[in-house]
N, C-alpha and C. Protein backbone atom coordinates (compact mmCIF):
# COMPACT_ATOMS: atom_id res chain seq x y z
N UNK A 1 -21.52 25.87 12.91
CA UNK A 1 -20.40 25.17 12.27
C UNK A 1 -19.33 25.00 13.35
N UNK A 2 -18.63 23.81 13.27
CA UNK A 2 -17.56 23.53 14.21
C UNK A 2 -16.22 23.95 13.65
N UNK A 3 -15.29 24.51 14.43
CA UNK A 3 -13.97 24.84 14.02
C UNK A 3 -13.03 23.71 14.46
N UNK A 4 -12.20 23.26 13.61
CA UNK A 4 -11.31 22.19 13.90
C UNK A 4 -9.89 22.68 13.86
N UNK A 5 -9.10 22.48 14.93
CA UNK A 5 -7.75 22.86 14.99
C UNK A 5 -6.84 21.78 14.38
N UNK A 6 -5.61 22.22 14.05
CA UNK A 6 -4.65 21.26 13.48
C UNK A 6 -4.30 20.20 14.53
N UNK A 7 -4.33 20.50 15.77
CA UNK A 7 -4.04 19.49 16.80
C UNK A 7 -4.98 18.33 16.72
N UNK A 8 -6.29 18.61 16.52
CA UNK A 8 -7.30 17.54 16.40
C UNK A 8 -6.97 16.69 15.15
N UNK A 9 -6.56 17.33 14.07
CA UNK A 9 -6.22 16.64 12.88
C UNK A 9 -5.05 15.75 13.18
N UNK A 10 -4.04 16.18 13.90
CA UNK A 10 -2.87 15.36 14.20
C UNK A 10 -3.24 14.20 15.03
N UNK A 11 -4.14 14.33 15.99
CA UNK A 11 -4.59 13.22 16.83
C UNK A 11 -5.25 12.11 16.05
N UNK A 12 -5.94 12.52 14.97
CA UNK A 12 -6.60 11.54 14.17
C UNK A 12 -5.65 10.85 13.17
N UNK A 13 -4.82 11.65 12.48
CA UNK A 13 -4.02 11.14 11.42
C UNK A 13 -2.68 10.51 11.83
N UNK A 14 -2.03 10.99 12.84
CA UNK A 14 -0.69 10.54 13.17
C UNK A 14 -0.55 9.13 13.73
N UNK A 15 -1.43 8.63 14.59
CA UNK A 15 -1.18 7.30 15.07
C UNK A 15 -1.04 6.20 14.03
N UNK A 16 -1.87 6.26 13.01
CA UNK A 16 -1.85 5.23 11.96
C UNK A 16 -0.49 5.32 11.20
N UNK A 17 -0.08 6.53 10.91
CA UNK A 17 1.22 6.73 10.21
C UNK A 17 2.38 6.23 11.05
N UNK A 18 2.37 6.55 12.30
CA UNK A 18 3.47 6.12 13.22
C UNK A 18 3.47 4.61 13.35
N UNK A 19 2.33 3.98 13.45
CA UNK A 19 2.29 2.55 13.53
C UNK A 19 2.81 1.88 12.28
N UNK A 20 2.44 2.42 11.11
CA UNK A 20 2.97 1.86 9.83
C UNK A 20 4.46 2.00 9.75
N UNK A 21 4.99 3.14 10.14
CA UNK A 21 6.45 3.34 10.10
C UNK A 21 7.16 2.41 11.05
N UNK A 22 6.59 2.16 12.25
CA UNK A 22 7.21 1.22 13.19
C UNK A 22 7.25 -0.15 12.65
N UNK A 23 6.13 -0.58 12.04
CA UNK A 23 6.09 -1.93 11.46
C UNK A 23 7.14 -2.07 10.36
N UNK A 24 7.25 -1.05 9.50
CA UNK A 24 8.19 -1.11 8.40
C UNK A 24 9.59 -1.17 8.91
N UNK A 25 9.96 -0.34 9.88
CA UNK A 25 11.26 -0.35 10.46
C UNK A 25 11.60 -1.65 11.15
N UNK A 26 10.61 -2.26 11.85
CA UNK A 26 10.84 -3.50 12.55
C UNK A 26 11.10 -4.61 11.55
N UNK A 27 10.37 -4.62 10.45
CA UNK A 27 10.57 -5.70 9.49
C UNK A 27 11.97 -5.62 8.80
N UNK A 28 12.50 -4.39 8.66
CA UNK A 28 13.82 -4.21 8.11
C UNK A 28 14.91 -4.76 9.00
N UNK A 29 14.69 -4.59 10.34
CA UNK A 29 15.70 -5.00 11.36
C UNK A 29 15.77 -6.51 11.42
N UNK A 30 14.68 -7.20 11.11
CA UNK A 30 14.66 -8.63 11.25
C UNK A 30 15.31 -9.34 10.12
N UNK A 31 15.66 -8.70 9.04
CA UNK A 31 16.24 -9.32 7.83
C UNK A 31 17.74 -9.05 7.80
N UNK A 32 18.52 -10.06 7.36
CA UNK A 32 19.99 -9.80 7.20
C UNK A 32 20.12 -8.77 6.07
N UNK A 33 21.15 -7.95 6.18
CA UNK A 33 21.43 -6.95 5.16
C UNK A 33 22.83 -7.27 4.61
N UNK A 34 22.84 -7.49 3.23
CA UNK A 34 24.13 -7.82 2.68
C UNK A 34 24.79 -6.56 2.13
N UNK A 35 26.08 -6.60 1.97
CA UNK A 35 26.88 -5.52 1.40
C UNK A 35 26.32 -5.26 0.00
N UNK A 36 26.04 -6.36 -0.72
CA UNK A 36 25.53 -6.24 -2.10
C UNK A 36 24.22 -5.49 -2.15
N UNK A 37 23.33 -5.77 -1.13
CA UNK A 37 22.02 -5.09 -1.11
C UNK A 37 22.23 -3.56 -0.85
N UNK A 38 23.14 -3.25 0.04
CA UNK A 38 23.40 -1.83 0.35
C UNK A 38 23.97 -1.18 -0.87
N UNK A 39 24.95 -1.85 -1.51
CA UNK A 39 25.56 -1.26 -2.71
C UNK A 39 24.56 -1.00 -3.81
N UNK A 40 23.67 -1.97 -4.00
CA UNK A 40 22.66 -1.89 -5.04
C UNK A 40 21.70 -0.71 -4.78
N UNK A 41 21.30 -0.57 -3.50
CA UNK A 41 20.40 0.55 -3.11
C UNK A 41 21.07 1.89 -3.33
N UNK A 42 22.36 1.97 -2.90
CA UNK A 42 23.06 3.22 -3.04
C UNK A 42 23.26 3.56 -4.58
N UNK A 43 23.62 2.57 -5.38
CA UNK A 43 23.85 2.79 -6.82
C UNK A 43 22.58 3.26 -7.47
N UNK A 44 21.44 2.58 -7.12
CA UNK A 44 20.17 2.98 -7.76
C UNK A 44 19.77 4.38 -7.37
N UNK A 45 19.95 4.68 -6.08
CA UNK A 45 19.61 6.03 -5.63
C UNK A 45 20.45 7.09 -6.32
N UNK A 46 21.75 6.80 -6.39
CA UNK A 46 22.67 7.71 -7.04
C UNK A 46 22.34 7.89 -8.50
N UNK A 47 22.10 6.78 -9.19
CA UNK A 47 21.78 6.83 -10.67
C UNK A 47 20.47 7.68 -10.90
N UNK A 48 19.52 7.55 -9.98
CA UNK A 48 18.26 8.27 -10.13
C UNK A 48 18.53 9.76 -10.03
N UNK A 49 19.46 10.13 -9.10
CA UNK A 49 19.78 11.57 -8.87
C UNK A 49 20.61 12.12 -10.03
N UNK A 50 21.54 11.31 -10.55
CA UNK A 50 22.53 11.78 -11.56
C UNK A 50 21.83 11.80 -12.93
N UNK A 51 20.98 12.86 -13.10
CA UNK A 51 20.14 12.91 -14.28
C UNK A 51 20.89 12.99 -15.64
N UNK A 52 22.08 13.51 -15.60
CA UNK A 52 22.84 13.56 -16.90
C UNK A 52 23.83 12.44 -16.95
N UNK A 53 23.82 11.51 -16.05
CA UNK A 53 24.66 10.31 -16.09
C UNK A 53 26.12 10.57 -16.27
N UNK A 54 26.63 11.66 -15.64
CA UNK A 54 28.05 11.96 -15.80
C UNK A 54 28.88 11.41 -14.63
N UNK A 55 28.23 10.70 -13.70
CA UNK A 55 28.96 10.14 -12.57
C UNK A 55 29.18 11.08 -11.41
N UNK A 56 28.60 12.23 -11.46
CA UNK A 56 28.75 13.20 -10.37
C UNK A 56 27.42 13.86 -10.10
N UNK A 57 27.15 14.20 -8.84
CA UNK A 57 25.96 14.93 -8.51
C UNK A 57 26.26 16.41 -8.43
N UNK A 58 25.67 17.19 -9.24
CA UNK A 58 25.86 18.63 -9.22
C UNK A 58 24.87 19.27 -8.24
N UNK A 59 25.10 20.51 -7.91
CA UNK A 59 24.18 21.21 -7.05
C UNK A 59 22.77 21.24 -7.64
N UNK A 60 22.68 21.39 -9.00
CA UNK A 60 21.34 21.40 -9.65
C UNK A 60 20.64 20.04 -9.47
N UNK A 61 21.39 18.96 -9.59
CA UNK A 61 20.81 17.63 -9.45
C UNK A 61 20.31 17.40 -8.01
N UNK A 62 21.13 17.88 -7.08
CA UNK A 62 20.70 17.79 -5.63
C UNK A 62 19.46 18.59 -5.42
N UNK A 63 19.46 19.84 -5.92
CA UNK A 63 18.33 20.71 -5.76
C UNK A 63 17.03 20.05 -6.34
N UNK A 64 17.21 19.44 -7.54
CA UNK A 64 16.02 18.77 -8.17
C UNK A 64 15.52 17.64 -7.25
N UNK A 65 16.44 16.90 -6.61
CA UNK A 65 15.99 15.81 -5.70
C UNK A 65 15.29 16.35 -4.53
N UNK A 66 15.78 17.49 -3.97
CA UNK A 66 15.17 18.14 -2.84
C UNK A 66 13.76 18.57 -3.12
N UNK A 67 13.57 19.19 -4.31
CA UNK A 67 12.24 19.68 -4.71
C UNK A 67 11.28 18.46 -4.91
N UNK A 68 11.80 17.41 -5.57
CA UNK A 68 10.99 16.24 -5.85
C UNK A 68 10.54 15.57 -4.54
N UNK A 69 11.51 15.44 -3.62
CA UNK A 69 11.10 14.82 -2.28
C UNK A 69 10.14 15.71 -1.49
N UNK A 70 10.36 17.03 -1.58
CA UNK A 70 9.45 17.95 -0.95
C UNK A 70 8.00 17.85 -1.49
N UNK A 71 7.94 17.74 -2.77
CA UNK A 71 6.62 17.58 -3.43
C UNK A 71 5.99 16.30 -3.04
N UNK A 72 6.75 15.21 -2.93
CA UNK A 72 6.18 13.88 -2.61
C UNK A 72 5.62 13.96 -1.16
N UNK A 73 6.42 14.61 -0.27
CA UNK A 73 5.94 14.71 1.10
C UNK A 73 4.69 15.52 1.22
N UNK A 74 4.60 16.59 0.44
CA UNK A 74 3.40 17.40 0.51
C UNK A 74 2.21 16.65 -0.05
N UNK A 75 2.42 15.81 -1.10
CA UNK A 75 1.31 15.03 -1.62
C UNK A 75 0.85 14.01 -0.59
N UNK A 76 1.80 13.39 0.12
CA UNK A 76 1.40 12.44 1.20
C UNK A 76 0.65 13.14 2.29
N UNK A 77 1.10 14.33 2.65
CA UNK A 77 0.41 15.10 3.70
C UNK A 77 -0.99 15.49 3.22
N UNK A 78 -1.16 15.79 1.97
CA UNK A 78 -2.47 16.12 1.45
C UNK A 78 -3.41 14.94 1.62
N UNK A 79 -2.95 13.74 1.26
CA UNK A 79 -3.76 12.53 1.40
C UNK A 79 -4.12 12.29 2.82
N UNK A 80 -3.14 12.42 3.74
CA UNK A 80 -3.48 12.26 5.20
C UNK A 80 -4.49 13.29 5.68
N UNK A 81 -4.31 14.52 5.23
CA UNK A 81 -5.22 15.58 5.58
C UNK A 81 -6.60 15.30 5.11
N UNK A 82 -6.76 14.85 3.86
CA UNK A 82 -8.06 14.51 3.31
C UNK A 82 -8.71 13.36 4.07
N UNK A 83 -7.96 12.34 4.44
CA UNK A 83 -8.48 11.23 5.21
C UNK A 83 -8.93 11.75 6.58
N UNK A 84 -8.18 12.60 7.16
CA UNK A 84 -8.53 13.09 8.48
C UNK A 84 -9.84 13.92 8.44
N UNK A 85 -9.99 14.67 7.35
CA UNK A 85 -11.25 15.42 7.21
C UNK A 85 -12.46 14.47 7.18
N UNK A 86 -12.28 13.44 6.40
CA UNK A 86 -13.39 12.48 6.30
C UNK A 86 -13.68 11.87 7.71
N UNK A 87 -12.68 11.61 8.45
CA UNK A 87 -12.89 11.06 9.80
C UNK A 87 -13.53 12.05 10.73
N UNK A 88 -13.11 13.30 10.64
CA UNK A 88 -13.73 14.34 11.49
C UNK A 88 -15.16 14.64 11.14
N UNK A 89 -15.54 14.43 9.89
CA UNK A 89 -16.87 14.66 9.46
C UNK A 89 -17.57 13.28 9.29
N UNK A 90 -17.45 12.52 10.36
CA UNK A 90 -17.92 11.15 10.38
C UNK A 90 -19.40 10.96 9.99
N UNK A 91 -20.25 11.85 10.44
CA UNK A 91 -21.67 11.68 10.12
C UNK A 91 -22.03 12.28 8.76
N UNK A 92 -21.06 12.91 8.17
CA UNK A 92 -21.34 13.44 6.81
C UNK A 92 -22.29 14.57 6.79
N UNK A 93 -22.49 15.27 7.93
CA UNK A 93 -23.45 16.33 7.92
C UNK A 93 -22.92 17.66 7.43
N UNK A 94 -21.63 17.70 7.15
CA UNK A 94 -21.01 18.92 6.63
C UNK A 94 -20.81 20.01 7.64
N UNK A 95 -20.84 19.64 8.95
CA UNK A 95 -20.64 20.65 9.94
C UNK A 95 -19.20 21.22 9.94
N UNK A 96 -18.30 20.53 9.34
CA UNK A 96 -16.96 21.02 9.12
C UNK A 96 -16.84 21.32 7.61
N UNK A 97 -16.92 22.60 7.30
CA UNK A 97 -16.84 22.97 5.90
C UNK A 97 -15.45 22.79 5.34
N UNK A 98 -15.23 22.53 4.09
CA UNK A 98 -14.00 22.39 3.50
C UNK A 98 -13.16 23.65 3.63
N UNK A 99 -13.77 24.81 3.54
CA UNK A 99 -13.03 26.06 3.68
C UNK A 99 -12.47 26.26 5.06
N UNK A 100 -13.29 25.90 6.07
CA UNK A 100 -12.81 25.95 7.46
C UNK A 100 -11.64 24.96 7.64
N UNK A 101 -11.80 23.77 7.15
CA UNK A 101 -10.79 22.74 7.30
C UNK A 101 -9.47 23.20 6.62
N UNK A 102 -9.54 23.69 5.40
CA UNK A 102 -8.39 24.13 4.71
C UNK A 102 -7.66 25.30 5.41
N UNK A 103 -8.47 26.18 6.05
CA UNK A 103 -7.92 27.24 6.82
C UNK A 103 -7.12 26.80 8.00
N UNK A 104 -7.57 25.72 8.68
CA UNK A 104 -6.96 25.24 9.90
C UNK A 104 -5.86 24.19 9.67
N UNK A 105 -5.89 23.53 8.47
CA UNK A 105 -4.89 22.45 8.20
C UNK A 105 -4.13 22.88 6.91
N UNK A 106 -3.37 23.93 7.01
CA UNK A 106 -2.67 24.39 5.82
C UNK A 106 -1.47 23.48 5.51
N UNK A 107 -1.17 23.35 4.23
CA UNK A 107 -0.06 22.59 3.79
C UNK A 107 1.18 23.46 3.88
N UNK A 108 2.33 22.82 4.15
CA UNK A 108 3.60 23.64 4.12
C UNK A 108 3.93 24.05 2.72
N UNK A 109 4.88 24.98 2.58
CA UNK A 109 5.32 25.38 1.28
C UNK A 109 6.76 24.82 1.14
N UNK A 110 7.20 24.65 -0.05
CA UNK A 110 8.53 24.12 -0.32
C UNK A 110 9.50 25.35 -0.29
N UNK A 111 10.50 25.21 0.60
CA UNK A 111 11.54 26.26 0.69
C UNK A 111 12.48 26.12 -0.50
N UNK A 112 13.27 27.17 -0.66
CA UNK A 112 14.27 27.11 -1.72
C UNK A 112 15.17 25.94 -1.46
N UNK A 113 15.53 25.21 -2.47
CA UNK A 113 16.44 24.08 -2.38
C UNK A 113 17.85 24.60 -2.08
N UNK A 114 18.59 23.89 -1.27
CA UNK A 114 19.99 24.30 -0.90
C UNK A 114 20.89 23.08 -0.82
N UNK A 115 21.64 22.85 -1.81
CA UNK A 115 22.56 21.69 -1.92
C UNK A 115 23.79 21.85 -0.97
N UNK A 116 24.05 23.03 -0.46
CA UNK A 116 25.31 23.25 0.26
C UNK A 116 25.47 22.29 1.49
N UNK A 117 24.46 22.06 2.29
CA UNK A 117 24.72 21.14 3.45
C UNK A 117 25.09 19.77 2.98
N UNK A 118 24.54 19.28 1.82
CA UNK A 118 24.87 17.95 1.34
C UNK A 118 26.26 17.91 0.78
N UNK A 119 26.57 18.97 0.02
CA UNK A 119 27.92 19.08 -0.55
C UNK A 119 28.96 19.16 0.58
N UNK A 120 28.69 19.97 1.59
CA UNK A 120 29.62 20.06 2.71
C UNK A 120 29.83 18.74 3.40
N UNK A 121 28.79 17.95 3.48
CA UNK A 121 28.88 16.66 4.20
C UNK A 121 29.54 15.57 3.37
N UNK A 122 29.24 15.45 2.07
CA UNK A 122 29.67 14.38 1.25
C UNK A 122 30.78 14.62 0.28
N UNK A 123 30.98 15.83 -0.12
CA UNK A 123 32.00 16.16 -1.14
C UNK A 123 33.38 16.22 -0.45
N UNK A 124 33.96 15.04 -0.26
CA UNK A 124 35.21 14.86 0.44
C UNK A 124 36.33 15.65 -0.20
N UNK A 125 36.42 15.67 -1.52
CA UNK A 125 37.52 16.38 -2.20
C UNK A 125 37.21 17.84 -2.53
N UNK A 126 36.02 18.28 -2.11
CA UNK A 126 35.59 19.71 -2.22
C UNK A 126 35.68 20.23 -3.61
N UNK A 127 35.29 19.39 -4.60
CA UNK A 127 35.24 19.87 -5.98
C UNK A 127 33.90 20.39 -6.40
N UNK A 128 32.95 20.46 -5.48
CA UNK A 128 31.59 21.00 -5.73
C UNK A 128 30.62 19.98 -6.32
N UNK A 129 31.06 18.68 -6.33
CA UNK A 129 30.17 17.63 -6.82
C UNK A 129 30.42 16.39 -5.98
N UNK A 130 29.41 15.55 -5.94
CA UNK A 130 29.50 14.30 -5.08
C UNK A 130 29.66 13.13 -6.07
N UNK A 131 30.82 12.42 -5.98
CA UNK A 131 31.04 11.26 -6.80
C UNK A 131 30.26 10.09 -6.14
N UNK A 132 30.19 9.01 -6.90
CA UNK A 132 29.53 7.80 -6.39
C UNK A 132 30.30 7.31 -5.12
N UNK A 133 31.62 7.31 -5.21
CA UNK A 133 32.42 6.85 -4.06
C UNK A 133 32.13 7.79 -2.83
N UNK A 134 32.05 9.03 -3.00
CA UNK A 134 31.83 9.96 -1.88
C UNK A 134 30.37 9.73 -1.36
N UNK A 135 29.44 9.46 -2.22
CA UNK A 135 28.06 9.23 -1.82
C UNK A 135 27.98 7.91 -0.99
N UNK A 136 28.66 6.91 -1.42
CA UNK A 136 28.61 5.56 -0.80
C UNK A 136 29.40 5.47 0.51
N UNK A 137 30.43 6.27 0.66
CA UNK A 137 31.40 6.07 1.71
C UNK A 137 30.82 5.94 3.18
N UNK A 138 29.94 6.92 3.58
CA UNK A 138 29.43 6.81 4.97
C UNK A 138 28.66 5.55 5.28
N UNK A 139 27.82 5.12 4.33
CA UNK A 139 27.02 3.95 4.53
C UNK A 139 27.88 2.70 4.54
N UNK A 140 28.79 2.61 3.60
CA UNK A 140 29.67 1.46 3.47
C UNK A 140 30.59 1.34 4.72
N UNK A 141 31.09 2.42 5.24
CA UNK A 141 31.91 2.42 6.42
C UNK A 141 31.11 1.92 7.63
N UNK A 142 29.87 2.35 7.72
CA UNK A 142 29.01 1.92 8.80
C UNK A 142 28.68 0.44 8.68
N UNK A 143 28.42 -0.03 7.43
CA UNK A 143 28.16 -1.48 7.18
C UNK A 143 29.37 -2.27 7.62
N UNK A 144 30.57 -1.86 7.23
CA UNK A 144 31.75 -2.63 7.58
C UNK A 144 31.94 -2.73 9.11
N UNK A 145 31.54 -1.70 9.80
CA UNK A 145 31.67 -1.65 11.23
C UNK A 145 30.67 -2.62 11.89
N UNK A 146 29.51 -2.71 11.32
CA UNK A 146 28.47 -3.60 11.90
C UNK A 146 28.63 -5.07 11.49
N UNK A 147 29.32 -5.33 10.33
CA UNK A 147 29.54 -6.68 9.84
C UNK A 147 30.70 -7.28 10.66
N UNK A 148 30.43 -7.72 11.91
CA UNK A 148 31.44 -8.13 12.83
C UNK A 148 32.35 -9.22 12.30
N UNK A 149 31.75 -10.24 11.63
CA UNK A 149 32.58 -11.32 11.16
C UNK A 149 33.07 -11.11 9.71
N UNK A 150 32.79 -9.96 9.13
CA UNK A 150 33.28 -9.56 7.84
C UNK A 150 32.92 -10.58 6.70
N UNK A 151 31.69 -11.08 6.80
CA UNK A 151 31.24 -12.04 5.77
C UNK A 151 30.38 -11.37 4.64
N UNK A 152 30.22 -10.03 4.72
CA UNK A 152 29.50 -9.34 3.71
C UNK A 152 27.99 -9.31 4.01
N UNK A 153 27.56 -9.72 5.23
CA UNK A 153 26.15 -9.69 5.62
C UNK A 153 26.05 -9.22 7.07
N UNK A 154 25.12 -8.32 7.28
CA UNK A 154 24.81 -7.93 8.69
C UNK A 154 23.56 -8.70 9.06
N UNK A 155 23.77 -9.64 9.91
CA UNK A 155 22.59 -10.52 10.41
C UNK A 155 21.87 -9.72 11.49
N UNK A 156 20.63 -10.18 11.81
CA UNK A 156 19.94 -9.52 12.90
C UNK A 156 20.74 -9.60 14.20
N UNK A 157 21.43 -10.70 14.40
CA UNK A 157 22.26 -10.78 15.63
C UNK A 157 23.34 -9.72 15.65
N UNK A 158 23.98 -9.48 14.49
CA UNK A 158 25.02 -8.46 14.45
C UNK A 158 24.38 -7.08 14.56
N UNK A 159 23.23 -6.86 14.00
CA UNK A 159 22.60 -5.56 14.05
C UNK A 159 22.14 -5.23 15.50
N UNK A 160 21.79 -6.28 16.26
CA UNK A 160 21.29 -6.05 17.59
C UNK A 160 22.41 -6.23 18.68
N UNK A 161 23.58 -6.58 18.29
CA UNK A 161 24.66 -6.75 19.30
C UNK A 161 25.08 -5.42 19.86
N UNK A 162 25.39 -5.41 21.13
CA UNK A 162 25.90 -4.14 21.74
C UNK A 162 27.25 -3.82 21.13
N UNK A 163 27.46 -2.56 20.91
CA UNK A 163 28.68 -2.11 20.29
C UNK A 163 29.82 -2.25 21.35
N UNK A 164 30.95 -2.82 20.92
CA UNK A 164 32.09 -3.08 21.85
C UNK A 164 32.69 -1.80 22.36
N UNK A 165 32.85 -0.77 21.57
CA UNK A 165 33.46 0.44 21.97
C UNK A 165 32.47 1.58 22.12
N UNK A 166 31.27 1.21 22.54
CA UNK A 166 30.21 2.19 22.69
C UNK A 166 30.51 3.16 23.81
N UNK A 167 30.19 4.43 23.65
CA UNK A 167 30.41 5.38 24.71
C UNK A 167 29.50 5.12 25.89
N UNK A 168 28.38 4.47 25.61
CA UNK A 168 27.41 4.07 26.67
C UNK A 168 27.46 2.53 26.68
N UNK A 169 27.94 1.90 27.80
CA UNK A 169 28.00 0.42 27.83
C UNK A 169 26.66 -0.22 27.45
N UNK A 170 26.72 -1.21 26.57
CA UNK A 170 25.50 -1.92 26.20
C UNK A 170 24.65 -1.30 25.13
N UNK A 171 25.05 -0.10 24.62
CA UNK A 171 24.34 0.57 23.63
C UNK A 171 24.51 -0.19 22.31
N UNK A 172 23.36 -0.37 21.62
CA UNK A 172 23.32 -1.08 20.34
C UNK A 172 23.67 -0.13 19.22
N UNK A 173 24.51 -0.58 18.26
CA UNK A 173 24.74 0.27 17.09
C UNK A 173 23.50 0.33 16.23
N UNK A 174 23.40 1.31 15.43
CA UNK A 174 22.24 1.33 14.51
C UNK A 174 22.85 1.42 13.10
N UNK A 175 22.14 0.86 12.21
CA UNK A 175 22.60 0.88 10.82
C UNK A 175 22.26 2.24 10.26
N UNK A 176 23.21 2.92 9.77
CA UNK A 176 22.98 4.28 9.26
C UNK A 176 23.26 4.28 7.80
N UNK A 177 22.18 4.49 6.99
CA UNK A 177 22.31 4.62 5.60
C UNK A 177 22.87 6.00 5.26
N UNK A 178 23.45 6.16 4.08
CA UNK A 178 23.78 7.48 3.60
C UNK A 178 22.49 8.29 3.65
N UNK A 179 22.45 9.36 4.27
CA UNK A 179 21.20 10.14 4.44
C UNK A 179 20.64 10.43 3.01
N UNK A 180 19.36 10.25 2.92
CA UNK A 180 18.66 10.56 1.64
C UNK A 180 18.73 12.04 1.39
N UNK A 181 18.91 12.37 0.14
CA UNK A 181 18.82 13.82 -0.20
C UNK A 181 17.42 14.20 -0.36
N UNK A 182 16.82 14.47 0.81
CA UNK A 182 15.39 14.90 0.90
C UNK A 182 15.31 16.01 1.90
N UNK A 183 14.14 16.58 1.98
CA UNK A 183 13.93 17.63 3.00
C UNK A 183 13.55 17.02 4.33
């Protein structure tokens, strides 16, 4: 029987995932981004997290989002791991047993959820909850900075223009969304 290390698994599975992520990121850069699009995305994300619809994100709601995103990432890793196994056992002779594969390609575990870093970052008034305005503020400020002509749309030209006050001359600004509440 052959023993397979996690490094071999990574060599098989990661290039395809990286290529897909690059293509998705590239296609987003090519499209204009409107203030309305950003607002709609933020509002939808916030509404999904605000499970009791009280207009504030509690620590429990943030924890629930962290657990949900952790579970989704683990499920995606499981699918990639299963595909990698099939690739490694290309001739189907079973020389890599499932038990050996599972031993070498263990899935991570979900750590305890911790809303504190998110509350520290977004809860501007320090009331222990994140309002919609607090949640939207970082992304909307960044959008306003990139919307050079203030027409409510960040065009590809604006997104790719060198920042005027960049600490490194010629450095391009990047559009920074409000960080997702995920792991």
